[in-house]
Amino acid sequence: MSVWKDICSTDDLQPDSGVCALVESKQVAIFFLVKEQAVYAIHNYDPIGKANVLSRGMIGDIKGEPVVASPLYKQHFSLKTGICLEDETIAVPAYPIRIANGRVEIQVSTVGIAKGSAYEGAGA
């Protein structure tokens, strides 16, 4: 069973940047892309650099795919899937996330954070 858990206000998000939130004892990197009106959530841990830093990475896109570049070794992780574009055998979890009534919510299950895709249309 999955439920939506309130994380923060949309005012706590940094436009076109990332923030980190502690959800179910896990660090989650949350990204808000203003132009696309999309919000994404992936695990904050960079498995290559072995540190919780992805929320501090630079965001952009590669061939239309929204990505974050790790601030350590600059690998790009898809904000939609968590897959590393330079090495598809490496990935971080991506989590369902949405904005509802001015609040950021992430989907959690009875056993932890639910895995899934990001929510586009954050302003809807």
Protein backbone atom coordinates (compact mmCIF):
# COMPACT_ATOMS: atom_id res chain seq x y z
CA MET A 1 0.00 0.00 0.00
CA SER A 2 1.28 3.45 -0.92
CA VAL A 3 0.43 6.86 0.47
CA TRP A 4 1.60 10.40 -0.25
CA LYS A 5 3.74 11.92 2.49
CA ASP A 6 4.01 15.69 2.92
CA ILE A 7 7.64 16.80 2.69
CA CYS A 8 7.70 20.60 2.52
CA SER A 9 6.14 23.71 1.07
CA THR A 10 6.79 24.65 -2.54
CA ASP A 11 8.39 27.80 -1.08
CA ASP A 12 11.15 25.54 0.26
CA LEU A 13 12.11 24.44 -3.27
CA GLN A 14 14.91 26.18 -5.13
CA PRO A 15 13.86 27.02 -8.70
CA ASP A 16 16.00 25.17 -11.24
CA SER A 17 18.10 23.63 -8.49
CA GLY A 18 18.04 20.88 -5.90
CA VAL A 19 17.32 20.55 -2.19
CA CYS A 20 17.74 17.59 0.12
CA ALA A 21 15.03 16.16 2.38
CA LEU A 22 15.16 13.33 4.88
CA VAL A 23 12.32 10.91 4.05
CA GLU A 24 11.86 7.59 5.84
CA SER A 25 15.50 7.86 7.04
CA LYS A 26 16.76 8.33 3.48
CA GLN A 27 18.26 11.45 1.91
CA VAL A 28 16.19 12.42 -1.14
CA ALA A 29 17.31 15.01 -3.68
CA ILE A 30 14.34 17.05 -4.90
CA PHE A 31 14.61 19.13 -8.07
CA PHE A 32 12.13 21.76 -9.30
CA LEU A 33 12.39 22.72 -12.97
CA VAL A 34 10.37 25.92 -13.30
CA LYS A 35 10.19 26.19 -17.10
CA GLU A 36 8.94 22.61 -17.42
CA GLN A 37 6.78 22.93 -14.27
CA ALA A 38 8.17 19.56 -13.18
CA VAL A 39 9.40 18.20 -9.87
CA TYR A 40 11.68 15.17 -9.55
CA ALA A 41 13.03 13.09 -6.68
CA ILE A 42 16.02 10.75 -6.70
CA HIS A 43 18.20 9.34 -3.96
CA ASN A 44 20.82 11.90 -2.86
CA TYR A 45 23.67 9.34 -2.71
CA ASP A 46 26.16 9.40 -5.59
CA PRO A 47 27.27 5.75 -5.94
CA ILE A 48 30.36 6.73 -7.93
CA GLY A 49 31.61 9.50 -5.65
CA LYS A 50 30.29 7.62 -2.59
CA ALA A 51 28.76 10.70 -0.94
CA ASN A 52 25.33 12.28 -0.41
CA VAL A 53 25.75 15.17 -2.85
CA LEU A 54 23.37 14.84 -5.82
CA SER A 55 21.04 17.57 -4.54
CA ARG A 56 23.96 19.99 -5.00
CA GLY A 57 24.60 19.01 -8.61
CA MET A 58 23.94 21.13 -11.68
CA ILE A 59 20.74 20.34 -13.55
CA GLY A 60 20.19 20.46 -17.27
CA ASP A 61 19.22 18.14 -20.06
CA ILE A 62 20.95 15.81 -22.47
CA LYS A 63 18.97 15.17 -25.66
CA GLY A 64 15.79 16.25 -23.88
CA GLU A 65 16.38 14.04 -20.82
CA PRO A 66 16.40 16.07 -17.57
CA VAL A 67 19.59 15.26 -15.66
CA VAL A 68 21.69 16.25 -12.67
CA ALA A 69 25.48 16.27 -12.95
CA SER A 70 27.14 14.99 -9.80
CA PRO A 71 29.24 17.73 -8.23
CA LEU A 72 32.05 15.19 -7.63
CA TYR A 73 32.93 13.41 -10.87
CA LYS A 74 30.29 14.99 -13.14
CA GLN A 75 28.39 11.83 -14.15
CA HIS A 76 24.85 12.61 -15.28
CA PHE A 77 21.90 10.91 -13.61
CA SER A 78 18.44 10.97 -15.20
CA LEU A 79 15.96 12.84 -13.02
CA LYS A 80 13.19 10.60 -14.39
CA THR A 81 14.78 7.18 -13.90
CA GLY A 82 17.92 7.67 -11.79
CA ILE A 83 20.05 5.89 -14.41
CA CYS A 84 23.61 7.15 -14.97
CA LEU A 85 23.92 8.22 -18.61
CA GLU A 86 27.64 7.45 -18.76
CA ASP A 87 27.22 3.92 -17.33
CA GLU A 88 23.70 2.48 -17.50
CA THR A 89 24.64 -0.31 -15.08
CA ILE A 90 24.71 2.35 -12.34
CA ALA A 91 21.53 3.98 -11.05
CA VAL A 92 20.03 5.65 -8.02
CA PRO A 93 16.40 5.16 -6.99
CA ALA A 94 13.87 7.60 -8.49
CA TYR A 95 10.75 8.30 -6.46
CA PRO A 96 7.17 9.37 -7.30
CA ILE A 97 6.75 13.00 -6.27
CA ARG A 98 4.09 15.66 -6.82
CA ILE A 99 2.95 19.10 -5.82
CA ALA A 100 -0.54 19.30 -4.33
CA ASN A 101 -2.07 22.46 -2.85
CA GLY A 102 1.30 24.19 -2.58
CA ARG A 103 2.91 21.25 -0.78
CA VAL A 104 5.53 18.79 -2.02
CA GLU A 105 4.53 15.17 -1.49
CA ILE A 106 6.47 11.97 -2.08
CA GLN A 107 4.92 8.53 -2.38
CA VAL A 108 5.84 6.10 0.39
CA SER A 109 4.81 2.50 0.90
CA THR A 110 4.40 0.59 4.12
CA VAL A 111 8.02 -0.60 3.70
CA GLY A 112 9.64 2.71 2.76
CA ILE A 113 9.81 5.13 -0.13
CA ALA A 114 8.00 3.85 -3.21
CA LYS A 115 10.03 3.51 -6.39
CA GLY A 116 8.65 5.01 -9.53
CA SER A 117 8.81 7.91 -11.90
CA ALA A 118 8.78 11.64 -11.36
CA TYR A 119 5.78 13.88 -11.74
CA GLU A 120 5.69 16.37 -14.56
CA GLY A 121 3.20 19.17 -14.51
CA ALA A 122 4.02 20.30 -11.01
CA GLY A 123 1.93 23.39 -11.42
CA ALA A 124 -1.20 21.40 -12.20
